Amino acid sequence: VTIGGGIAVALGLTAVGVTVPRLFGKHYRKSPYDDLLAQLIDRDAAAK
């Protein structure tokens, strides 16, 4: 039970860690060049 609960908590935290940045992170206007711009780590700094 302890091992199973630990695994369930770890999976839940991983799901939150993946989902939250996508929900609350910076979103950009769609462009035909998103495949290229997605390679930038900091798109705002690159734009400057």
All heavy atoms as atom14 arrays in JSON, in Angstrom:
{
  "sequence": "VTIGGGIAVALGLTAVGVTVPRLFGKHYRKSPYDDLLAQLIDRDAAAK",
  "atom14_mask": [
    [1, 1, 1, 1, 1, 1, 1, 0, 0, 0, 0, 0, 0, 0],
    [1, 1, 1, 1, 1, 1, 1, 0, 0, 0, 0, 0, 0, 0],
    [1, 1, 1, 1, 1, 1, 1, 1, 0, 0, 0, 0, 0, 0],
    [1, 1, 1, 1, 0, 0, 0, 0, 0, 0, 0, 0, 0, 0],
    [1, 1, 1, 1, 0, 0, 0, 0, 0, 0, 0, 0, 0, 0],
    [1, 1, 1, 1, 0, 0, 0, 0, 0, 0, 0, 0, 0, 0],
    [1, 1, 1, 1, 1, 1, 1, 1, 0, 0, 0, 0, 0, 0],
    [1, 1, 1, 1, 1, 0, 0, 0, 0, 0, 0, 0, 0, 0],
    [1, 1, 1, 1, 1, 1, 1, 0, 0, 0, 0, 0, 0, 0],
    [1, 1, 1, 1, 1, 0, 0, 0, 0, 0, 0, 0, 0, 0],
    [1, 1, 1, 1, 1, 1, 1, 1, 0, 0, 0, 0, 0, 0],
    [1, 1, 1, 1, 0, 0, 0, 0, 0, 0, 0, 0, 0, 0],
    [1, 1, 1, 1, 1, 1, 1, 1, 0, 0, 0, 0, 0, 0],
    [1, 1, 1, 1, 1, 1, 1, 0, 0, 0, 0, 0, 0, 0],
    [1, 1, 1, 1, 1, 0, 0, 0, 0, 0, 0, 0, 0, 0],
    [1, 1, 1, 1, 1, 1, 1, 0, 0, 0, 0, 0, 0, 0],
    [1, 1, 1, 1, 0, 0, 0, 0, 0, 0, 0, 0, 0, 0],
    [1, 1, 1, 1, 1, 1, 1, 0, 0, 0, 0, 0, 0, 0],
    [1, 1, 1, 1, 1, 1, 1, 0, 0, 0, 0, 0, 0, 0],
    [1, 1, 1, 1, 1, 1, 1, 0, 0, 0, 0, 0, 0, 0],
    [1, 1, 1, 1, 1, 1, 1, 0, 0, 0, 0, 0, 0, 0],
    [1, 1, 1, 1, 1, 1, 1, 1, 1, 1, 1, 0, 0, 0],
    [1, 1, 1, 1, 1, 1, 1, 1, 0, 0, 0, 0, 0, 0],
    [1, 1, 1, 1, 1, 1, 1, 1, 1, 1, 1, 0, 0, 0],
    [1, 1, 1, 1, 0, 0, 0, 0, 0, 0, 0, 0, 0, 0],
    [1, 1, 1, 1, 1, 1, 1, 1, 1, 0, 0, 0, 0, 0],
    [1, 1, 1, 1, 1, 1, 1, 1, 1, 1, 0, 0, 0, 0],
    [1, 1, 1, 1, 1, 1, 1, 1, 1, 1, 1, 1, 0, 0],
    [1, 1, 1, 1, 1, 1, 1, 1, 1, 1, 1, 0, 0, 0],
    [1, 1, 1, 1, 1, 1, 1, 1, 1, 0, 0, 0, 0, 0],
    [1, 1, 1, 1, 1, 1, 0, 0, 0, 0, 0, 0, 0, 0],
    [1, 1, 1, 1, 1, 1, 1, 0, 0, 0, 0, 0, 0, 0],
    [1, 1, 1, 1, 1, 1, 1, 1, 1, 1, 1, 1, 0, 0],
    [1, 1, 1, 1, 1, 1, 1, 1, 0, 0, 0, 0, 0, 0],
    [1, 1, 1, 1, 1, 1, 1, 1, 0, 0, 0, 0, 0, 0],
    [1, 1, 1, 1, 1, 1, 1, 1, 0, 0, 0, 0, 0, 0],
    [1, 1, 1, 1, 1, 1, 1, 1, 0, 0, 0, 0, 0, 0],
    [1, 1, 1, 1, 1, 0, 0, 0, 0, 0, 0, 0, 0, 0],
    [1, 1, 1, 1, 1, 1, 1, 1, 1, 0, 0, 0, 0, 0],
    [1, 1, 1, 1, 1, 1, 1, 1, 0, 0, 0, 0, 0, 0],
    [1, 1, 1, 1, 1, 1, 1, 1, 0, 0, 0, 0, 0, 0],
    [1, 1, 1, 1, 1, 1, 1, 1, 0, 0, 0, 0, 0, 0],
    [1, 1, 1, 1, 1, 1, 1, 1, 1, 1, 1, 0, 0, 0],
    [1, 1, 1, 1, 1, 1, 1, 1, 0, 0, 0, 0, 0, 0],
    [1, 1, 1, 1, 1, 0, 0, 0, 0, 0, 0, 0, 0, 0],
    [1, 1, 1, 1, 1, 0, 0, 0, 0, 0, 0, 0, 0, 0],
    [1, 1, 1, 1, 1, 0, 0, 0, 0, 0, 0, 0, 0, 0],
    [1, 1, 1, 1, 1, 1, 1, 1, 1, 0, 0, 0, 0, 0]
  ],
  "atom14_positions": [
    [[0.84, -1.2, 0.0], [0.0, 0.0, 0.0], [0.87, 1.25, 0.0], [0.61, 2.21, -0.73], [-0.97, 0.0, 1.21], [-1.66, 1.33, 1.36], [-1.99, -1.13, 1.06], [0.0, 0.0, 0.0], [0.0, 0.0, 0.0], [0.0, 0.0, 0.0], [0.0, 0.0, 0.0], [0.0, 0.0, 0.0], [0.0, 0.0, 0.0], [0.0, 0.0, 0.0]],
    [[1.94, 1.24, 0.79], [2.85, 2.39, 0.86], [3.54, 2.62, -0.48], [3.61, 3.76, -0.97], [3.9, 2.18, 1.96], [3.24, 1.97, 3.2], [4.83, 3.38, 2.07], [0.0, 0.0, 0.0], [0.0, 0.0, 0.0], [0.0, 0.0, 0.0], [0.0, 0.0, 0.0], [0.0, 0.0, 0.0], [0.0, 0.0, 0.0], [0.0, 0.0, 0.0]],
    [[4.04, 1.57, -1.09], [4.71, 1.69, -2.39], [3.72, 2.14, -3.46], [4.0, 3.05, -4.24], [5.39, 0.37, -2.79], [6.58, 0.1, -1.87], [5.83, 0.39, -4.25], [7.19, -1.28, -2.04], [0.0, 0.0, 0.0], [0.0, 0.0, 0.0], [0.0, 0.0, 0.0], [0.0, 0.0, 0.0], [0.0, 0.0, 0.0], [0.0, 0.0, 0.0]],
    [[2.55, 1.55, -3.49], [1.52, 1.93, -4.46], [1.08, 3.37, -4.28], [0.91, 4.12, -5.25], [0.0, 0.0, 0.0], [0.0, 0.0, 0.0], [0.0, 0.0, 0.0], [0.0, 0.0, 0.0], [0.0, 0.0, 0.0], [0.0, 0.0, 0.0], [0.0, 0.0, 0.0], [0.0, 0.0, 0.0], [0.0, 0.0, 0.0], [0.0, 0.0, 0.0]],
    [[0.92, 3.79, -3.05], [0.55, 5.19, -2.78], [1.65, 6.15, -3.21], [1.38, 7.21, -3.77], [0.0, 0.0, 0.0], [0.0, 0.0, 0.0], [0.0, 0.0, 0.0], [0.0, 0.0, 0.0], [0.0, 0.0, 0.0], [0.0, 0.0, 0.0], [0.0, 0.0, 0.0], [0.0, 0.0, 0.0], [0.0, 0.0, 0.0], [0.0, 0.0, 0.0]],
    [[2.89, 5.78, -2.95], [4.03, 6.61, -3.38], [4.09, 6.76, -4.88], [4.34, 7.86, -5.4], [0.0, 0.0, 0.0], [0.0, 0.0, 0.0], [0.0, 0.0, 0.0], [0.0, 0.0, 0.0], [0.0, 0.0, 0.0], [0.0, 0.0, 0.0], [0.0, 0.0, 0.0], [0.0, 0.0, 0.0], [0.0, 0.0, 0.0], [0.0, 0.0, 0.0]],
    [[3.85, 5.68, -5.58], [3.84, 5.72, -7.05], [2.7, 6.6, -7.55], [2.87, 7.41, -8.46], [3.76, 4.3, -7.64], [5.07, 3.56, -7.37], [3.46, 4.33, -9.13], [5.04, 2.08, -7.71], [0.0, 0.0, 0.0], [0.0, 0.0, 0.0], [0.0, 0.0, 0.0], [0.0, 0.0, 0.0], [0.0, 0.0, 0.0], [0.0, 0.0, 0.0]],
    [[1.54, 6.46, -6.94], [0.39, 7.28, -7.35], [0.65, 8.77, -7.11], [0.34, 9.61, -7.96], [-0.87, 6.84, -6.6], [0.0, 0.0, 0.0], [0.0, 0.0, 0.0], [0.0, 0.0, 0.0], [0.0, 0.0, 0.0], [0.0, 0.0, 0.0], [0.0, 0.0, 0.0], [0.0, 0.0, 0.0], [0.0, 0.0, 0.0], [0.0, 0.0, 0.0]],
    [[1.26, 9.11, -5.98], [1.58, 10.51, -5.69], [2.61, 11.04, -6.7], [2.48, 12.15, -7.22], [2.09, 10.66, -4.24], [2.73, 12.02, -4.01], [0.96, 10.43, -3.26], [0.0, 0.0, 0.0], [0.0, 0.0, 0.0], [0.0, 0.0, 0.0], [0.0, 0.0, 0.0], [0.0, 0.0, 0.0], [0.0, 0.0, 0.0], [0.0, 0.0, 0.0]],
    [[3.64, 10.23, -7.0], [4.66, 10.65, -7.96], [4.05, 10.88, -9.35], [4.38, 11.87, -10.02], [5.77, 9.6, -8.04], [0.0, 0.0, 0.0], [0.0, 0.0, 0.0], [0.0, 0.0, 0.0], [0.0, 0.0, 0.0], [0.0, 0.0, 0.0], [0.0, 0.0, 0.0], [0.0, 0.0, 0.0], [0.0, 0.0, 0.0], [0.0, 0.0, 0.0]],
    [[3.17, 10.0, -9.78], [2.51, 10.18, -11.07], [1.62, 11.42, -11.08], [1.58, 12.17, -12.06], [1.68, 8.94, -11.43], [2.49, 7.69, -11.82], [1.55, 6.5, -11.98], [3.27, 7.92, -13.09], [0.0, 0.0, 0.0], [0.0, 0.0, 0.0], [0.0, 0.0, 0.0], [0.0, 0.0, 0.0], [0.0, 0.0, 0.0], [0.0, 0.0, 0.0]],
    [[0.93, 11.65, -9.99], [0.08, 12.84, -9.89], [0.9, 14.13, -9.93], [0.54, 15.08, -10.63], [0.0, 0.0, 0.0], [0.0, 0.0, 0.0], [0.0, 0.0, 0.0], [0.0, 0.0, 0.0], [0.0, 0.0, 0.0], [0.0, 0.0, 0.0], [0.0, 0.0, 0.0], [0.0, 0.0, 0.0], [0.0, 0.0, 0.0], [0.0, 0.0, 0.0]],
    [[2.01, 14.17, -9.21], [2.87, 15.35, -9.24], [3.49, 15.57, -10.62], [3.63, 16.7, -11.07], [3.97, 15.22, -8.18], [3.5, 15.33, -6.73], [4.66, 15.06, -5.77], [2.9, 16.69, -6.45], [0.0, 0.0, 0.0], [0.0, 0.0, 0.0], [0.0, 0.0, 0.0], [0.0, 0.0, 0.0], [0.0, 0.0, 0.0], [0.0, 0.0, 0.0]],
    [[3.84, 14.49, -11.29], [4.37, 14.61, -12.64], [3.32, 15.19, -13.58], [3.62, 16.07, -14.39], [4.85, 13.24, -13.16], [5.86, 12.74, -12.28], [5.4, 13.34, -14.56], [0.0, 0.0, 0.0], [0.0, 0.0, 0.0], [0.0, 0.0, 0.0], [0.0, 0.0, 0.0], [0.0, 0.0, 0.0], [0.0, 0.0, 0.0], [0.0, 0.0, 0.0]],
    [[2.1, 14.72, -13.48], [1.02, 15.23, -14.33], [0.78, 16.71, -14.07], [0.6, 17.5, -15.0], [-0.26, 14.44, -14.09], [0.0, 0.0, 0.0], [0.0, 0.0, 0.0], [0.0, 0.0, 0.0], [0.0, 0.0, 0.0], [0.0, 0.0, 0.0], [0.0, 0.0, 0.0], [0.0, 0.0, 0.0], [0.0, 0.0, 0.0], [0.0, 0.0, 0.0]],
    [[0.81, 17.12, -12.81], [0.64, 18.54, -12.47], [1.82, 19.34, -13.01], [1.64, 20.43, -13.56], [0.49, 18.72, -10.94], [0.62, 20.17, -10.53], [-0.84, 18.16, -10.48], [0.0, 0.0, 0.0], [0.0, 0.0, 0.0], [0.0, 0.0, 0.0], [0.0, 0.0, 0.0], [0.0, 0.0, 0.0], [0.0, 0.0, 0.0], [0.0, 0.0, 0.0]],
    [[3.03, 18.82, -12.87], [4.21, 19.52, -13.35], [4.23, 19.71, -14.85], [4.77, 20.69, -15.36], [0.0, 0.0, 0.0], [0.0, 0.0, 0.0], [0.0, 0.0, 0.0], [0.0, 0.0, 0.0], [0.0, 0.0, 0.0], [0.0, 0.0, 0.0], [0.0, 0.0, 0.0], [0.0, 0.0, 0.0], [0.0, 0.0, 0.0], [0.0, 0.0, 0.0]],
    [[3.63, 18.8, -15.59], [3.56, 18.93, -17.04], [2.41, 19.83, -17.46], [2.53, 20.61, -18.4], [3.42, 17.52, -17.69], [3.09, 17.63, -19.15], [4.69, 16.72, -17.48], [0.0, 0.0, 0.0], [0.0, 0.0, 0.0], [0.0, 0.0, 0.0], [0.0, 0.0, 0.0], [0.0, 0.0, 0.0], [0.0, 0.0, 0.0], [0.0, 0.0, 0.0]],
    [[1.3, 19.76, -16.77], [0.09, 20.48, -17.17], [0.09, 21.94, -16.76], [-0.29, 22.8, -17.56], [-1.15, 19.79, -16.56], [-1.14, 18.42, -16.94], [-2.42, 20.43, -17.04], [0.0, 0.0, 0.0], [0.0, 0.0, 0.0], [0.0, 0.0, 0.0], [0.0, 0.0, 0.0], [0.0, 0.0, 0.0], [0.0, 0.0, 0.0], [0.0, 0.0, 0.0]],
    [[0.51, 22.25, -15.56], [0.42, 23.62, -15.05], [1.18, 24.62, -15.92], [0.64, 25.67, -16.27], [0.85, 23.69, -13.57], [1.06, 25.11, -13.11], [-0.2, 23.0, -12.7], [0.0, 0.0, 0.0], [0.0, 0.0, 0.0], [0.0, 0.0, 0.0], [0.0, 0.0, 0.0], [0.0, 0.0, 0.0], [0.0, 0.0, 0.0], [0.0, 0.0, 0.0]],
    [[2.46, 24.36, -16.3], [3.14, 25.34, -17.16], [2.42, 25.57, -18.49], [2.43, 26.68, -19.01], [4.52, 24.73, -17.39], [4.73, 23.83, -16.24], [3.38, 23.3, -15.89], [0.0, 0.0, 0.0], [0.0, 0.0, 0.0], [0.0, 0.0, 0.0], [0.0, 0.0, 0.0], [0.0, 0.0, 0.0], [0.0, 0.0, 0.0], [0.0, 0.0, 0.0]],
    [[1.81, 24.55, -19.02], [1.07, 24.72, -20.28], [-0.17, 25.57, -20.09], [-0.56, 26.32, -20.98], [0.68, 23.36, -20.86], [1.87, 22.62, -21.42], [1.44, 21.35, -22.07], [2.6, 20.63, -22.58], [2.56, 19.45, -23.1], [1.4, 18.82, -23.2], [3.66, 18.87, -23.52], [0.0, 0.0, 0.0], [0.0, 0.0, 0.0], [0.0, 0.0, 0.0]],
    [[-0.81, 25.45, -18.94], [-2.02, 26.22, -18.69], [-1.72, 27.67, -18.35], [-2.41, 28.58, -18.81], [-2.82, 25.58, -17.54], [-3.45, 24.23, -17.81], [-4.11, 23.69, -16.55], [-4.47, 24.33, -18.92], [0.0, 0.0, 0.0], [0.0, 0.0, 0.0], [0.0, 0.0, 0.0], [0.0, 0.0, 0.0], [0.0, 0.0, 0.0], [0.0, 0.0, 0.0]],
    [[-0.7, 27.89, -17.53], [-0.44, 29.23, -17.01], [0.8, 29.87, -17.6], [1.12, 31.0, -17.27], [-0.33, 29.19, -15.49], [-1.59, 28.69, -14.84], [-1.6, 27.46, -14.2], [-2.75, 29.43, -14.87], [-2.76, 26.99, -13.6], [-3.91, 28.97, -14.28], [-3.91, 27.74, -13.65], [0.0, 0.0, 0.0], [0.0, 0.0, 0.0], [0.0, 0.0, 0.0]],
    [[1.53, 29.16, -18.45], [2.73, 29.71, -19.06], [2.4, 30.73, -20.14], [1.24, 30.99, -20.47], [0.0, 0.0, 0.0], [0.0, 0.0, 0.0], [0.0, 0.0, 0.0], [0.0, 0.0, 0.0], [0.0, 0.0, 0.0], [0.0, 0.0, 0.0], [0.0, 0.0, 0.0], [0.0, 0.0, 0.0], [0.0, 0.0, 0.0], [0.0, 0.0, 0.0]],
    [[3.43, 31.32, -20.7], [3.27, 32.32, -21.75], [2.74, 31.66, -23.02], [3.24, 30.62, -23.44], [4.64, 32.96, -22.01], [4.66, 33.94, -23.13], [4.4, 35.32, -22.64], [4.57, 36.26, -23.83], [4.2, 37.56, -23.6], [0.0, 0.0, 0.0], [0.0, 0.0, 0.0], [0.0, 0.0, 0.0], [0.0, 0.0, 0.0], [0.0, 0.0, 0.0]],
    [[1.73, 32.25, -23.6], [1.17, 31.77, -24.86], [1.4, 32.82, -25.93], [1.28, 34.01, -25.68], [-0.33, 31.49, -24.72], [-0.63, 30.36, -23.79], [-0.49, 29.05, -24.15], [-1.03, 30.35, -22.5], [-0.81, 28.27, -23.12], [-1.13, 29.03, -22.1], [0.0, 0.0, 0.0], [0.0, 0.0, 0.0], [0.0, 0.0, 0.0], [0.0, 0.0, 0.0]],
    [[1.74, 32.35, -27.1], [2.03, 33.25, -28.21], [0.96, 33.1, -29.28], [0.31, 32.06, -29.38], [3.4, 32.94, -28.81], [4.52, 33.12, -27.82], [5.05, 32.03, -27.13], [5.03, 34.38, -27.56], [6.07, 32.2, -26.22], [6.05, 34.55, -26.64], [6.57, 33.46, -25.98], [7.57, 33.64, -25.07], [0.0, 0.0, 0.0], [0.0, 0.0, 0.0]],
    [[0.84, 34.18, -30.06], [-0.06, 34.11, -31.21], [0.39, 33.0, -32.15], [1.58, 32.78, -32.34], [0.07, 35.44, -31.99], [-1.09, 36.31, -31.93], [-0.93, 37.57, -32.75], [0.44, 38.08, -32.86], [0.96, 38.53, -33.99], [0.26, 38.54, -35.09], [2.19, 38.99, -34.02], [0.0, 0.0, 0.0], [0.0, 0.0, 0.0], [0.0, 0.0, 0.0]],
    [[-0.55, 32.34, -32.75], [-0.21, 31.3, -33.74], [0.44, 31.96, -34.94], [0.06, 33.05, -35.35], [-1.47, 30.56, -34.19], [-1.95, 29.55, -33.2], [-2.07, 28.24, -33.92], [-2.5, 27.15, -32.99], [-1.46, 26.22, -32.74], [0.0, 0.0, 0.0], [0.0, 0.0, 0.0], [0.0, 0.0, 0.0], [0.0, 0.0, 0.0], [0.0, 0.0, 0.0]],
    [[1.43, 31.28, -35.47], [2.08, 31.78, -36.67], [2.46, 30.59, -37.54], [2.55, 29.46, -37.05], [3.32, 32.61, -36.32], [4.43, 31.78, -36.1], [0.0, 0.0, 0.0], [0.0, 0.0, 0.0], [0.0, 0.0, 0.0], [0.0, 0.0, 0.0], [0.0, 0.0, 0.0], [0.0, 0.0, 0.0], [0.0, 0.0, 0.0], [0.0, 0.0, 0.0]],
    [[2.72, 30.83, -38.81], [3.13, 29.72, -39.67], [4.56, 29.26, -39.38], [5.03, 28.31, -39.99], [3.02, 30.3, -41.09], [2.96, 31.78, -40.93], [2.5, 32.06, -39.54], [0.0, 0.0, 0.0], [0.0, 0.0, 0.0], [0.0, 0.0, 0.0], [0.0, 0.0, 0.0], [0.0, 0.0, 0.0], [0.0, 0.0, 0.0], [0.0, 0.0, 0.0]],
    [[5.22, 29.9, -38.43], [6.62, 29.58, -38.13], [6.79, 29.0, -36.73], [7.89, 28.97, -36.19], [7.48, 30.83, -38.29], [7.17, 31.57, -39.57], [6.63, 32.85, -39.53], [7.38, 30.97, -40.81], [6.32, 33.52, -40.71], [7.06, 31.62, -41.99], [6.54, 32.9, -41.93], [6.22, 33.55, -43.09], [0.0, 0.0, 0.0], [0.0, 0.0, 0.0]],
    [[5.71, 28.52, -36.14], [5.77, 27.98, -34.78], [6.73, 26.79, -34.67], [7.33, 26.58, -33.62], [4.38, 27.57, -34.29], [3.53, 28.77, -33.93], [4.1, 29.86, -33.71], [2.29, 28.63, -33.88], [0.0, 0.0, 0.0], [0.0, 0.0, 0.0], [0.0, 0.0, 0.0], [0.0, 0.0, 0.0], [0.0, 0.0, 0.0], [0.0, 0.0, 0.0]],
    [[6.88, 26.02, -35.74], [7.81, 24.89, -35.7], [9.24, 25.37, -35.47], [10.03, 24.73, -34.78], [7.72, 24.06, -36.98], [8.06, 24.86, -38.23], [7.61, 26.02, -38.34], [8.75, 24.31, -39.11], [0.0, 0.0, 0.0], [0.0, 0.0, 0.0], [0.0, 0.0, 0.0], [0.0, 0.0, 0.0], [0.0, 0.0, 0.0], [0.0, 0.0, 0.0]],
    [[9.58, 26.52, -36.02], [10.92, 27.08, -35.84], [11.03, 27.8, -34.49], [12.01, 27.64, -33.76], [11.25, 28.05, -36.98], [11.36, 27.43, -38.36], [11.35, 28.51, -39.43], [12.61, 26.57, -38.45], [0.0, 0.0, 0.0], [0.0, 0.0, 0.0], [0.0, 0.0, 0.0], [0.0, 0.0, 0.0], [0.0, 0.0, 0.0], [0.0, 0.0, 0.0]],
    [[10.04, 28.6, -34.17], [10.08, 29.41, -32.96], [10.02, 28.56, -31.69], [10.49, 28.98, -30.64], [8.96, 30.44, -32.98], [9.02, 31.44, -34.14], [7.8, 32.33, -34.16], [10.3, 32.25, -34.08], [0.0, 0.0, 0.0], [0.0, 0.0, 0.0], [0.0, 0.0, 0.0], [0.0, 0.0, 0.0], [0.0, 0.0, 0.0], [0.0, 0.0, 0.0]],
    [[9.48, 27.36, -31.79], [9.4, 26.47, -30.64], [10.8, 26.02, -30.19], [10.96, 25.57, -29.05], [8.54, 25.25, -30.97], [0.0, 0.0, 0.0], [0.0, 0.0, 0.0], [0.0, 0.0, 0.0], [0.0, 0.0, 0.0], [0.0, 0.0, 0.0], [0.0, 0.0, 0.0], [0.0, 0.0, 0.0], [0.0, 0.0, 0.0], [0.0, 0.0, 0.0]],
    [[11.78, 26.16, -31.05], [13.14, 25.75, -30.68], [13.83, 26.77, -29.79], [14.88, 26.49, -29.2], [13.96, 25.51, -31.94], [13.39, 24.36, -32.76], [14.31, 23.95, -33.86], [15.51, 23.92, -33.68], [13.75, 23.62, -35.0], [0.0, 0.0, 0.0], [0.0, 0.0, 0.0], [0.0, 0.0, 0.0], [0.0, 0.0, 0.0], [0.0, 0.0, 0.0]],
    [[13.26, 27.95, -29.66], [13.83, 28.99, -28.81], [13.47, 28.73, -27.36], [12.3, 28.46, -27.04], [13.32, 30.37, -29.23], [13.77, 30.84, -30.61], [12.97, 32.07, -31.03], [15.27, 31.15, -30.59], [0.0, 0.0, 0.0], [0.0, 0.0, 0.0], [0.0, 0.0, 0.0], [0.0, 0.0, 0.0], [0.0, 0.0, 0.0], [0.0, 0.0, 0.0]],
    [[14.42, 28.85, -26.48], [14.16, 28.66, -25.06], [13.4, 29.86, -24.5], [12.45, 29.71, -23.74], [15.48, 28.45, -24.29], [16.09, 27.12, -24.72], [15.25, 28.47, -22.79], [17.48, 26.88, -24.18], [0.0, 0.0, 0.0], [0.0, 0.0, 0.0], [0.0, 0.0, 0.0], [0.0, 0.0, 0.0], [0.0, 0.0, 0.0], [0.0, 0.0, 0.0]],
    [[13.82, 31.05, -24.88], [13.17, 32.28, -24.42], [12.82, 33.13, -25.64], [13.65, 33.89, -26.14], [14.1, 33.04, -23.47], [13.43, 34.24, -22.8], [12.35, 34.65, -23.28], [13.98, 34.75, -21.82], [0.0, 0.0, 0.0], [0.0, 0.0, 0.0], [0.0, 0.0, 0.0], [0.0, 0.0, 0.0], [0.0, 0.0, 0.0], [0.0, 0.0, 0.0]],
    [[11.62, 32.97, -26.1], [11.19, 33.65, -27.34], [11.16, 35.17, -27.18], [11.47, 35.89, -28.11], [9.82, 33.11, -27.74], [9.33, 33.62, -29.06], [8.11, 32.83, -29.49], [7.38, 33.5, -30.51], [6.29, 33.02, -31.08], [5.83, 31.85, -30.73], [5.66, 33.69, -32.01], [0.0, 0.0, 0.0], [0.0, 0.0, 0.0], [0.0, 0.0, 0.0]],
    [[10.83, 35.65, -25.99], [10.79, 37.09, -25.76], [12.19, 37.7, -25.86], [12.38, 38.75, -26.47], [10.16, 37.41, -24.4], [8.69, 37.04, -24.34], [8.02, 37.09, -25.4], [8.21, 36.7, -23.26], [0.0, 0.0, 0.0], [0.0, 0.0, 0.0], [0.0, 0.0, 0.0], [0.0, 0.0, 0.0], [0.0, 0.0, 0.0], [0.0, 0.0, 0.0]],
    [[13.16, 37.03, -25.26], [14.54, 37.53, -25.34], [15.05, 37.46, -26.78], [15.74, 38.38, -27.24], [15.45, 36.71, -24.41], [0.0, 0.0, 0.0], [0.0, 0.0, 0.0], [0.0, 0.0, 0.0], [0.0, 0.0, 0.0], [0.0, 0.0, 0.0], [0.0, 0.0, 0.0], [0.0, 0.0, 0.0], [0.0, 0.0, 0.0], [0.0, 0.0, 0.0]],
    [[14.71, 36.41, -27.49], [15.12, 36.28, -28.89], [14.5, 37.4, -29.72], [15.16, 37.95, -30.61], [14.71, 34.92, -29.43], [0.0, 0.0, 0.0], [0.0, 0.0, 0.0], [0.0, 0.0, 0.0], [0.0, 0.0, 0.0], [0.0, 0.0, 0.0], [0.0, 0.0, 0.0], [0.0, 0.0, 0.0], [0.0, 0.0, 0.0], [0.0, 0.0, 0.0]],
    [[13.25, 37.74, -29.44], [12.6, 38.82, -30.19], [13.31, 40.15, -29.95], [13.44, 40.97, -30.87], [11.12, 38.92, -29.8], [0.0, 0.0, 0.0], [0.0, 0.0, 0.0], [0.0, 0.0, 0.0], [0.0, 0.0, 0.0], [0.0, 0.0, 0.0], [0.0, 0.0, 0.0], [0.0, 0.0, 0.0], [0.0, 0.0, 0.0], [0.0, 0.0, 0.0]],
    [[13.8, 40.38, -28.73], [14.55, 41.61, -28.45], [15.84, 41.64, -29.27], [16.21, 42.68, -29.81], [14.86, 41.7, -26.96], [13.66, 42.0, -26.11], [14.02, 42.03, -24.64], [12.77, 42.21, -23.78], [13.09, 42.15, -22.35], [0.0, 0.0, 0.0], [0.0, 0.0, 0.0], [0.0, 0.0, 0.0], [0.0, 0.0, 0.0], [0.0, 0.0, 0.0]]
  ]
}
